[in-house]
Amino acid sequence: MIWIDQAVARRLTDLIRRLETARPSLAALRDALPARLGNTALFFREWMRGPGMVGAVCSSSRYLATEMAGLVPPGNGLVIELGAGTGMVTQALLDHGISPRRLIIVERSEGFVAHLRHRFPEATVIHGDAANLCELIPQGLPIAAIVSSLPLRSLPADQRTQIIAQWRQALSQDGSLIQFTYDIRPQTHTCASDHAFSVTHSRIVWANLPPARVLHARLSVRTDSLPNVLAVNQPADPSP
C-alpha cells in the first residue's frame, strides 16, 4: 500500500479537477489535429507506395483547387474528377456549387478511395484507372467537364495515349477538360502527345508547391477524324 499525505492528495485532486475542466478543449484539439495531419500522412503514405502514380510532392493547395473548380461550366452535366487524392479539388468543386450527385470521382489508389468515400459519402467514388474511364462511368449521360489532377506528363507514353483517347471518347465538342501542369510555360495542348485537345486559356497559380499552370481545353477536331493511337513512342514529359 502506498501512503499519500493530505497535502499531496489535495494537489492531485486539484490537478484532476483542472484536467476534467480542460477535457472538452483537449478533445476538440485531439479531434481537429488528425483531420489535417491525417490527410498529410495519407498523402505521403500513398506517395511512398507509388510516387509515379501520385505524381506530386505534396497535396494541391486550396488556391489551385479553387482555380480548377472555377473553370467548370454551369449546367447539369456530369463532372468527372480524375486523381482526387485526399480531396482538395473535390471539396473545391462542391464549394463551387457542383452537386455531389453530379460528381463522379475516379481514383486508382485504394487508400485514397477509402478516404474519399468516407469524406464525401454523397459523391460517387470509383476505384479504377483513368485509362479505362469509359468502362467505369455511366453511358449516355452528358459530361460537362473532366477535371484531372493526373500526372499526365510524367506517365508512360502508352498510358498517356490511352487516357487521352478515353477523354476524347467521353467528352462532347463543348465539354471542358481541366488539367494542371507544373510546366508553367504557355501551353497549347495538355501534353506533347495530345493532338485531340486545344488549350483555350490558362493561368498560373503561384500559391502552390510547386507553382502550377491550370489549363482549360476543348476538343480541337472531330473525334472520328483522329487515329485511335496517338504518339505511343513519345517519351514521357518531365513534368506532370
C-alpha atoms as a PDB file:
ATOM      1  CA  MET A   1       0.000   0.000   0.000  1.00  0.00           C
ATOM      2  CA  ILE A   2       1.256   3.483  -0.869  1.00  0.00           C
ATOM      3  CA  TRP A   3       0.549   6.274   1.621  1.00  0.00           C
ATOM      4  CA  ILE A   4      -0.028   9.814   0.372  1.00  0.00           C
ATOM      5  CA  ASP A   5      -0.145  12.705   2.804  1.00  0.00           C
ATOM      6  CA  GLN A   6      -3.055  15.129   2.747  1.00  0.00           C
ATOM      7  CA  ALA A   7      -1.127  17.934   1.023  1.00  0.00           C
ATOM      8  CA  VAL A   8      -0.154  15.688  -1.887  1.00  0.00           C
ATOM      9  CA  ALA A   9      -3.705  14.315  -2.058  1.00  0.00           C
ATOM     10  CA  ARG A  10      -5.101  17.838  -2.282  1.00  0.00           C
ATOM     11  CA  ARG A  11      -2.698  18.732  -5.078  1.00  0.00           C
ATOM     12  CA  LEU A  12      -3.604  15.573  -7.005  1.00  0.00           C
ATOM     13  CA  THR A  13      -7.315  16.274  -6.543  1.00  0.00           C
ATOM     14  CA  ASP A  14      -6.838  19.830  -7.801  1.00  0.00           C
ATOM     15  CA  LEU A  15      -4.881  18.603 -10.839  1.00  0.00           C
ATOM     16  CA  ILE A  16      -7.567  16.040 -11.689  1.00  0.00           C
ATOM     17  CA  ARG A  17     -10.260  18.714 -11.387  1.00  0.00           C
ATOM     18  CA  ARG A  18      -8.360  21.000 -13.772  1.00  0.00           C
ATOM     19  CA  LEU A  19      -7.876  18.204 -16.284  1.00  0.00           C
ATOM     20  CA  GLU A  20     -11.594  17.402 -16.118  1.00  0.00           C
ATOM     21  CA  THR A  21     -12.396  21.072 -16.785  1.00  0.00           C
ATOM     22  CA  ALA A  22      -9.978  21.188 -19.732  1.00  0.00           C
ATOM     23  CA  ARG A  23     -11.209  17.895 -21.213  1.00  0.00           C
ATOM     24  CA  PRO A  24     -13.570  19.469 -23.824  1.00  0.00           C
ATOM     25  CA  SER A  25     -10.771  21.711 -25.128  1.00  0.00           C
ATOM     26  CA  LEU A  26      -8.303  18.843 -25.225  1.00  0.00           C
ATOM     27  CA  ALA A  27     -10.832  16.646 -27.003  1.00  0.00           C
ATOM     28  CA  ALA A  28     -11.501  19.349 -29.586  1.00  0.00           C
ATOM     29  CA  LEU A  29      -7.774  19.749 -30.206  1.00  0.00           C
ATOM     30  CA  ARG A  30      -7.358  15.980 -30.467  1.00  0.00           C
ATOM     31  CA  ASP A  31     -10.206  15.738 -32.985  1.00  0.00           C
ATOM     32  CA  ALA A  32      -9.031  18.689 -35.067  1.00  0.00           C
ATOM     33  CA  LEU A  33      -5.407  17.656 -35.477  1.00  0.00           C
ATOM     34  CA  PRO A  34      -5.907  14.282 -37.180  1.00  0.00           C
ATOM     35  CA  ALA A  35      -8.132  15.848 -39.831  1.00  0.00           C
ATOM     36  CA  ARG A  36      -5.184  17.874 -41.110  1.00  0.00           C
ATOM     37  CA  LEU A  37      -2.304  15.628 -40.159  1.00  0.00           C
ATOM     38  CA  GLY A  38      -4.247  12.581 -41.323  1.00  0.00           C
ATOM     39  CA  ASN A  39      -4.558  13.943 -44.860  1.00  0.00           C
ATOM     40  CA  THR A  40      -0.863  14.731 -44.960  1.00  0.00           C
ATOM     41  CA  ALA A  41       0.109  11.331 -43.586  1.00  0.00           C
ATOM     42  CA  LEU A  42      -2.227   9.614 -46.057  1.00  0.00           C
ATOM     43  CA  PHE A  43      -0.778  11.565 -48.981  1.00  0.00           C
ATOM     44  CA  PHE A  44       2.817  10.670 -48.138  1.00  0.00           C
ATOM     45  CA  ARG A  45       1.924   7.060 -47.444  1.00  0.00           C
ATOM     46  CA  GLU A  46       0.371   6.745 -50.901  1.00  0.00           C
ATOM     47  CA  TRP A  47       3.275   8.684 -52.417  1.00  0.00           C
ATOM     48  CA  MET A  48       5.746   6.217 -50.894  1.00  0.00           C
ATOM     49  CA  ARG A  49       3.743   3.326 -52.321  1.00  0.00           C
ATOM     50  CA  GLY A  50       3.769   4.756 -55.833  1.00  0.00           C
ATOM     51  CA  PRO A  51       5.446   8.150 -56.498  1.00  0.00           C
ATOM     52  CA  GLY A  52       4.775   7.912 -60.226  1.00  0.00           C
ATOM     53  CA  MET A  53       1.088   7.275 -59.663  1.00  0.00           C
ATOM     54  CA  VAL A  54       0.673  10.202 -57.251  1.00  0.00           C
ATOM     55  CA  GLY A  55       2.917  12.439 -59.345  1.00  0.00           C
ATOM     56  CA  ALA A  56       3.256  15.313 -56.858  1.00  0.00           C
ATOM     57  CA  VAL A  57       5.434  16.096 -53.878  1.00  0.00           C
ATOM     58  CA  CYS A  58       2.503  17.397 -51.815  1.00  0.00           C
ATOM     59  CA  SER A  59      -1.239  17.771 -51.995  1.00  0.00           C
ATOM     60  CA  SER A  60      -2.678  20.541 -54.187  1.00  0.00           C
ATOM     61  CA  SER A  61      -3.226  23.862 -52.434  1.00  0.00           C
ATOM     62  CA  ARG A  62      -6.716  25.260 -51.948  1.00  0.00           C
ATOM     63  CA  TYR A  63      -5.801  28.049 -54.397  1.00  0.00           C
ATOM     64  CA  LEU A  64      -5.031  25.559 -57.143  1.00  0.00           C
ATOM     65  CA  ALA A  65      -8.159  23.570 -56.294  1.00  0.00           C
ATOM     66  CA  THR A  66     -10.326  26.704 -56.387  1.00  0.00           C
ATOM     67  CA  GLU A  67      -8.887  27.764 -59.741  1.00  0.00           C
ATOM     68  CA  MET A  68      -9.658  24.371 -61.255  1.00  0.00           C
ATOM     69  CA  ALA A  69     -13.180  24.236 -59.827  1.00  0.00           C
ATOM     70  CA  GLY A  70     -13.923  27.732 -61.112  1.00  0.00           C
ATOM     71  CA  LEU A  71     -13.399  26.584 -64.703  1.00  0.00           C
ATOM     72  CA  VAL A  72     -16.209  24.018 -64.581  1.00  0.00           C
ATOM     73  CA  PRO A  73     -19.047  25.407 -66.725  1.00  0.00           C
ATOM     74  CA  PRO A  74     -22.563  25.794 -65.309  1.00  0.00           C
ATOM     75  CA  GLY A  75     -25.157  23.235 -66.256  1.00  0.00           C
ATOM     76  CA  ASN A  76     -26.460  19.821 -65.318  1.00  0.00           C
ATOM     77  CA  GLY A  77     -23.905  17.551 -66.971  1.00  0.00           C
ATOM     78  CA  LEU A  78     -21.715  15.167 -65.040  1.00  0.00           C
ATOM     79  CA  VAL A  79     -18.395  16.322 -63.644  1.00  0.00           C
ATOM     80  CA  ILE A  80     -15.722  13.614 -63.722  1.00  0.00           C
ATOM     81  CA  GLU A  81     -12.782  14.108 -61.378  1.00  0.00           C
ATOM     82  CA  LEU A  82      -9.668  12.044 -62.013  1.00  0.00           C
ATOM     83  CA  GLY A  83      -6.927  11.522 -59.422  1.00  0.00           C
ATOM     84  CA  ALA A  84      -8.710  13.173 -56.495  1.00  0.00           C
ATOM     85  CA  GLY A  85      -6.105  12.168 -53.907  1.00  0.00           C
ATOM     86  CA  THR A  86      -7.065  13.498 -50.476  1.00  0.00           C
ATOM     87  CA  GLY A  87      -9.968  15.510 -51.906  1.00  0.00           C
ATOM     88  CA  MET A  88      -8.725  19.103 -52.115  1.00  0.00           C
ATOM     89  CA  VAL A  89     -10.169  19.636 -55.596  1.00  0.00           C
ATOM     90  CA  THR A  90     -13.249  17.597 -54.711  1.00  0.00           C
ATOM     91  CA  GLN A  91     -14.038  19.960 -51.857  1.00  0.00           C
ATOM     92  CA  ALA A  92     -13.465  22.967 -54.104  1.00  0.00           C
ATOM     93  CA  LEU A  93     -15.893  21.533 -56.680  1.00  0.00           C
ATOM     94  CA  LEU A  94     -18.566  21.134 -54.020  1.00  0.00           C
ATOM     95  CA  ASP A  95     -17.864  24.629 -52.683  1.00  0.00           C
ATOM     96  CA  HIS A  96     -18.235  25.908 -56.255  1.00  0.00           C
ATOM     97  CA  GLY A  97     -21.797  24.623 -56.267  1.00  0.00           C
ATOM     98  CA  ILE A  98     -21.361  21.279 -58.022  1.00  0.00           C
ATOM     99  CA  SER A  99     -23.953  18.895 -56.626  1.00  0.00           C
ATOM    100  CA  PRO A 100     -22.397  15.685 -55.256  1.00  0.00           C
ATOM    101  CA  ARG A 101     -24.953  13.804 -57.352  1.00  0.00           C
ATOM    102  CA  ARG A 102     -23.298  15.224 -60.495  1.00  0.00           C
ATOM    103  CA  LEU A 103     -19.815  14.332 -59.305  1.00  0.00           C
ATOM    104  CA  ILE A 104     -18.080  11.080 -60.207  1.00  0.00           C
ATOM    105  CA  ILE A 105     -14.590  10.546 -58.800  1.00  0.00           C
ATOM    106  CA  VAL A 106     -12.230   8.006 -60.341  1.00  0.00           C
ATOM    107  CA  GLU A 107      -9.206   7.173 -58.206  1.00  0.00           C
ATOM    108  CA  ARG A 108      -6.629   4.426 -58.641  1.00  0.00           C
ATOM    109  CA  SER A 109      -5.254   4.289 -55.093  1.00  0.00           C
ATOM    110  CA  GLU A 110      -7.173   2.071 -52.666  1.00  0.00           C
ATOM    111  CA  GLY A 111      -6.070   4.233 -49.742  1.00  0.00           C
ATOM    112  CA  PHE A 112      -7.354   7.416 -51.339  1.00  0.00           C
ATOM    113  CA  VAL A 113     -10.596   5.686 -52.409  1.00  0.00           C
ATOM    114  CA  ALA A 114     -11.398   4.663 -48.827  1.00  0.00           C
ATOM    115  CA  HIS A 115     -10.613   8.176 -47.610  1.00  0.00           C
ATOM    116  CA  LEU A 116     -12.737   9.851 -50.312  1.00  0.00           C
ATOM    117  CA  ARG A 117     -15.732   7.593 -49.698  1.00  0.00           C
ATOM    118  CA  HIS A 118     -15.608   8.452 -46.015  1.00  0.00           C
ATOM    119  CA  ARG A 119     -15.128  12.180 -46.592  1.00  0.00           C
ATOM    120  CA  PHE A 120     -17.652  12.581 -49.445  1.00  0.00           C
ATOM    121  CA  PRO A 121     -20.353   9.958 -48.854  1.00  0.00           C
ATOM    122  CA  GLU A 122     -22.839  11.578 -51.265  1.00  0.00           C
ATOM    123  CA  ALA A 123     -20.447  11.586 -54.228  1.00  0.00           C
ATOM    124  CA  THR A 124     -19.765   8.542 -56.393  1.00  0.00           C
ATOM    125  CA  VAL A 125     -16.204   7.315 -55.840  1.00  0.00           C
ATOM    126  CA  ILE A 126     -14.980   4.624 -58.233  1.00  0.00           C
ATOM    127  CA  HIS A 127     -11.835   2.587 -57.692  1.00  0.00           C
ATOM    128  CA  GLY A 128     -10.396   2.348 -61.169  1.00  0.00           C
ATOM    129  CA  ASP A 129      -7.908   3.503 -63.774  1.00  0.00           C
ATOM    130  CA  ALA A 130      -8.494   6.592 -65.909  1.00  0.00           C
ATOM    131  CA  ALA A 131      -7.177   4.600 -68.859  1.00  0.00           C
ATOM    132  CA  ASN A 132     -10.459   2.648 -68.664  1.00  0.00           C
ATOM    133  CA  LEU A 133     -12.640   5.679 -67.988  1.00  0.00           C
ATOM    134  CA  CYS A 134     -15.452   4.918 -70.424  1.00  0.00           C
ATOM    135  CA  GLU A 135     -15.947   1.482 -68.877  1.00  0.00           C
ATOM    136  CA  LEU A 136     -16.317   2.997 -65.412  1.00  0.00           C
ATOM    137  CA  ILE A 137     -18.737   5.883 -65.895  1.00  0.00           C
ATOM    138  CA  PRO A 138     -22.451   5.846 -66.848  1.00  0.00           C
ATOM    139  CA  GLN A 139     -23.108   5.700 -70.571  1.00  0.00           C
ATOM    140  CA  GLY A 140     -25.359   8.087 -72.448  1.00  0.00           C
ATOM    141  CA  LEU A 141     -25.251  10.925 -69.918  1.00  0.00           C
ATOM    142  CA  PRO A 142     -23.794  14.313 -70.887  1.00  0.00           C
ATOM    143  CA  ILE A 143     -20.457  15.218 -69.316  1.00  0.00           C
ATOM    144  CA  ALA A 144     -19.907  18.896 -68.605  1.00  0.00           C
ATOM    145  CA  ALA A 145     -16.258  18.595 -67.593  1.00  0.00           C
ATOM    146  CA  ILE A 146     -13.380  16.294 -66.830  1.00  0.00           C
ATOM    147  CA  VAL A 147     -11.257  17.709 -64.001  1.00  0.00           C
ATOM    148  CA  SER A 148      -7.914  15.948 -63.956  1.00  0.00           C
ATOM    149  CA  SER A 149      -5.152  16.018 -61.371  1.00  0.00           C
ATOM    150  CA  LEU A 150      -3.388  13.123 -63.052  1.00  0.00           C
ATOM    151  CA  PRO A 151       0.394  13.456 -63.505  1.00  0.00           C
ATOM    152  CA  LEU A 152      -0.249  13.298 -67.229  1.00  0.00           C
ATOM    153  CA  ARG A 153       3.151  14.422 -68.488  1.00  0.00           C
ATOM    154  CA  SER A 154       5.125  12.042 -66.296  1.00  0.00           C
ATOM    155  CA  LEU A 155       3.106   8.954 -67.235  1.00  0.00           C
ATOM    156  CA  PRO A 156       4.479   6.454 -69.760  1.00  0.00           C
ATOM    157  CA  ALA A 157       3.522   7.386 -73.303  1.00  0.00           C
ATOM    158  CA  ASP A 158       1.191   4.420 -73.808  1.00  0.00           C
ATOM    159  CA  GLN A 159      -0.786   5.267 -70.658  1.00  0.00           C
ATOM    160  CA  ARG A 160      -0.984   8.911 -71.706  1.00  0.00           C
ATOM    161  CA  THR A 161      -2.296   7.844 -75.086  1.00  0.00           C
ATOM    162  CA  GLN A 162      -4.983   5.619 -73.583  1.00  0.00           C
ATOM    163  CA  ILE A 163      -6.141   8.309 -71.162  1.00  0.00           C
ATOM    164  CA  ILE A 164      -6.402  10.984 -73.864  1.00  0.00           C
ATOM    165  CA  ALA A 165      -8.322   8.551 -76.076  1.00  0.00           C
ATOM    166  CA  GLN A 166     -10.767   7.982 -73.214  1.00  0.00           C
ATOM    167  CA  TRP A 167     -11.223  11.734 -72.734  1.00  0.00           C
ATOM    168  CA  ARG A 168     -11.799  12.119 -76.438  1.00  0.00           C
ATOM    169  CA  GLN A 169     -14.480   9.447 -76.377  1.00  0.00           C
ATOM    170  CA  ALA A 170     -16.213  10.719 -73.229  1.00  0.00           C
ATOM    171  CA  LEU A 171     -16.384  14.456 -73.923  1.00  0.00           C
ATOM    172  CA  SER A 172     -18.554  16.189 -76.480  1.00  0.00           C
ATOM    173  CA  GLN A 173     -17.329  19.119 -78.557  1.00  0.00           C
ATOM    174  CA  ASP A 174     -18.488  21.650 -75.958  1.00  0.00           C
ATOM    175  CA  GLY A 175     -17.229  19.682 -72.941  1.00  0.00           C
ATOM    176  CA  SER A 176     -14.433  21.125 -70.814  1.00  0.00           C
ATOM    177  CA  LEU A 177     -11.158  19.439 -69.961  1.00  0.00           C
ATOM    178  CA  ILE A 178      -9.392  20.950 -66.957  1.00  0.00           C
ATOM    179  CA  GLN A 179      -5.850  19.806 -66.201  1.00  0.00           C
ATOM    180  CA  PHE A 180      -2.925  21.307 -64.317  1.00  0.00           C
ATOM    181  CA  THR A 181       0.772  21.016 -65.031  1.00  0.00           C
ATOM    182  CA  TYR A 182       3.935  22.015 -63.197  1.00  0.00           C
ATOM    183  CA  ASP A 183       5.336  23.251 -66.506  1.00  0.00           C
ATOM    184  CA  ILE A 184       4.252  26.869 -66.144  1.00  0.00           C
ATOM    185  CA  ARG A 185       5.245  27.893 -69.664  1.00  0.00           C
ATOM    186  CA  PRO A 186       2.352  28.796 -72.007  1.00  0.00           C
ATOM    187  CA  GLN A 187       0.753  25.634 -73.379  1.00  0.00           C
ATOM    188  CA  THR A 188      -1.279  24.845 -76.494  1.00  0.00           C
ATOM    189  CA  HIS A 189      -2.043  21.205 -75.541  1.00  0.00           C
ATOM    190  CA  THR A 190      -2.239  19.249 -72.300  1.00  0.00           C
ATOM    191  CA  CYS A 191       0.968  17.381 -73.180  1.00  0.00           C
ATOM    192  CA  ALA A 192       3.211  16.636 -76.158  1.00  0.00           C
ATOM    193  CA  SER A 193       1.221  13.561 -77.226  1.00  0.00           C
ATOM    194  CA  ASP A 194      -2.149  15.294 -77.036  1.00  0.00           C
ATOM    195  CA  HIS A 195      -3.410  16.040 -80.548  1.00  0.00           C
ATOM    196  CA  ALA A 196      -7.079  15.921 -79.552  1.00  0.00           C
ATOM    197  CA  PHE A 197      -7.484  18.905 -77.214  1.00  0.00           C
ATOM    198  CA  SER A 198      -6.524  22.538 -77.638  1.00  0.00           C
ATOM    199  CA  VAL A 199      -5.976  24.826 -74.664  1.00  0.00           C
ATOM    200  CA  THR A 200      -8.418  27.734 -74.779  1.00  0.00           C
ATOM    201  CA  HIS A 201      -6.983  29.588 -71.797  1.00  0.00           C
ATOM    202  CA  SER A 202      -4.738  29.010 -68.795  1.00  0.00           C
ATOM    203  CA  ARG A 203      -3.495  30.646 -65.644  1.00  0.00           C
ATOM    204  CA  ILE A 204      -0.548  30.182 -63.309  1.00  0.00           C
ATOM    205  CA  VAL A 205      -1.305  29.528 -59.646  1.00  0.00           C
ATOM    206  CA  TRP A 206       1.757  30.701 -57.761  1.00  0.00           C
ATOM    207  CA  ALA A 207       0.321  29.798 -54.348  1.00  0.00           C
ATOM    208  CA  ASN A 208       1.006  26.088 -54.824  1.00  0.00           C
ATOM    209  CA  LEU A 209       4.047  23.912 -54.141  1.00  0.00           C
ATOM    210  CA  PRO A 210       5.408  23.909 -56.751  1.00  0.00           C
ATOM    211  CA  PRO A 211       3.578  26.607 -58.763  1.00  0.00           C
ATOM    212  CA  ALA A 212       1.291  25.143 -61.416  1.00  0.00           C
ATOM    213  CA  ARG A 213      -0.487  26.219 -64.585  1.00  0.00           C
ATOM    214  CA  VAL A 214      -4.167  25.327 -64.846  1.00  0.00           C
ATOM    215  CA  LEU A 215      -5.275  24.542 -68.396  1.00  0.00           C
ATOM    216  CA  HIS A 216      -8.785  24.695 -69.840  1.00  0.00           C
ATOM    217  CA  ALA A 217      -9.072  22.749 -73.095  1.00  0.00           C
ATOM    218  CA  ARG A 218     -11.670  21.574 -75.582  1.00  0.00           C
ATOM    219  CA  LEU A 219     -11.696  19.081 -78.419  1.00  0.00           C
ATOM    220  CA  SER A 220      -9.870  20.694 -81.296  1.00  0.00           C
ATOM    221  CA  VAL A 221     -11.155  18.429 -84.095  1.00  0.00           C
ATOM    222  CA  ARG A 222     -13.901  15.879 -84.597  1.00  0.00           C
ATOM    223  CA  THR A 223     -13.126  12.729 -82.647  1.00  0.00           C
ATOM    224  CA  ASP A 224     -13.824  10.411 -85.561  1.00  0.00           C
ATOM    225  CA  SER A 225     -11.053  12.069 -87.586  1.00  0.00           C
ATOM    226  CA  LEU A 226      -8.376  11.142 -85.048  1.00  0.00           C
ATOM    227  CA  PRO A 227      -6.424   7.888 -85.017  1.00  0.00           C
ATOM    228  CA  ASN A 228      -7.016   5.512 -82.133  1.00  0.00           C
ATOM    229  CA  VAL A 229      -3.341   5.517 -81.213  1.00  0.00           C
ATOM    230  CA  LEU A 230      -1.613   8.817 -80.566  1.00  0.00           C
ATOM    231  CA  ALA A 231       2.170   9.141 -80.426  1.00  0.00           C
ATOM    232  CA  VAL A 232       2.744   5.965 -78.459  1.00  0.00           C
ATOM    233  CA  ASN A 233       6.510   6.127 -78.828  1.00  0.00           C
ATOM    234  CA  GLN A 234       6.910   9.630 -77.470  1.00  0.00           C
ATOM    235  CA  PRO A 235       8.902   9.800 -74.220  1.00  0.00           C
ATOM    236  CA  ALA A 236       7.311  10.966 -71.016  1.00  0.00           C
ATOM    237  CA  ASP A 237       7.417  14.702 -70.409  1.00  0.00           C
ATOM    238  CA  PRO A 238       9.477  15.701 -67.376  1.00  0.00           C
ATOM    239  CA  SER A 239       6.630  17.494 -65.560  1.00  0.00           C
ATOM    240  CA  PRO A 240       3.084  16.355 -64.633  1.00  0.00           C
END
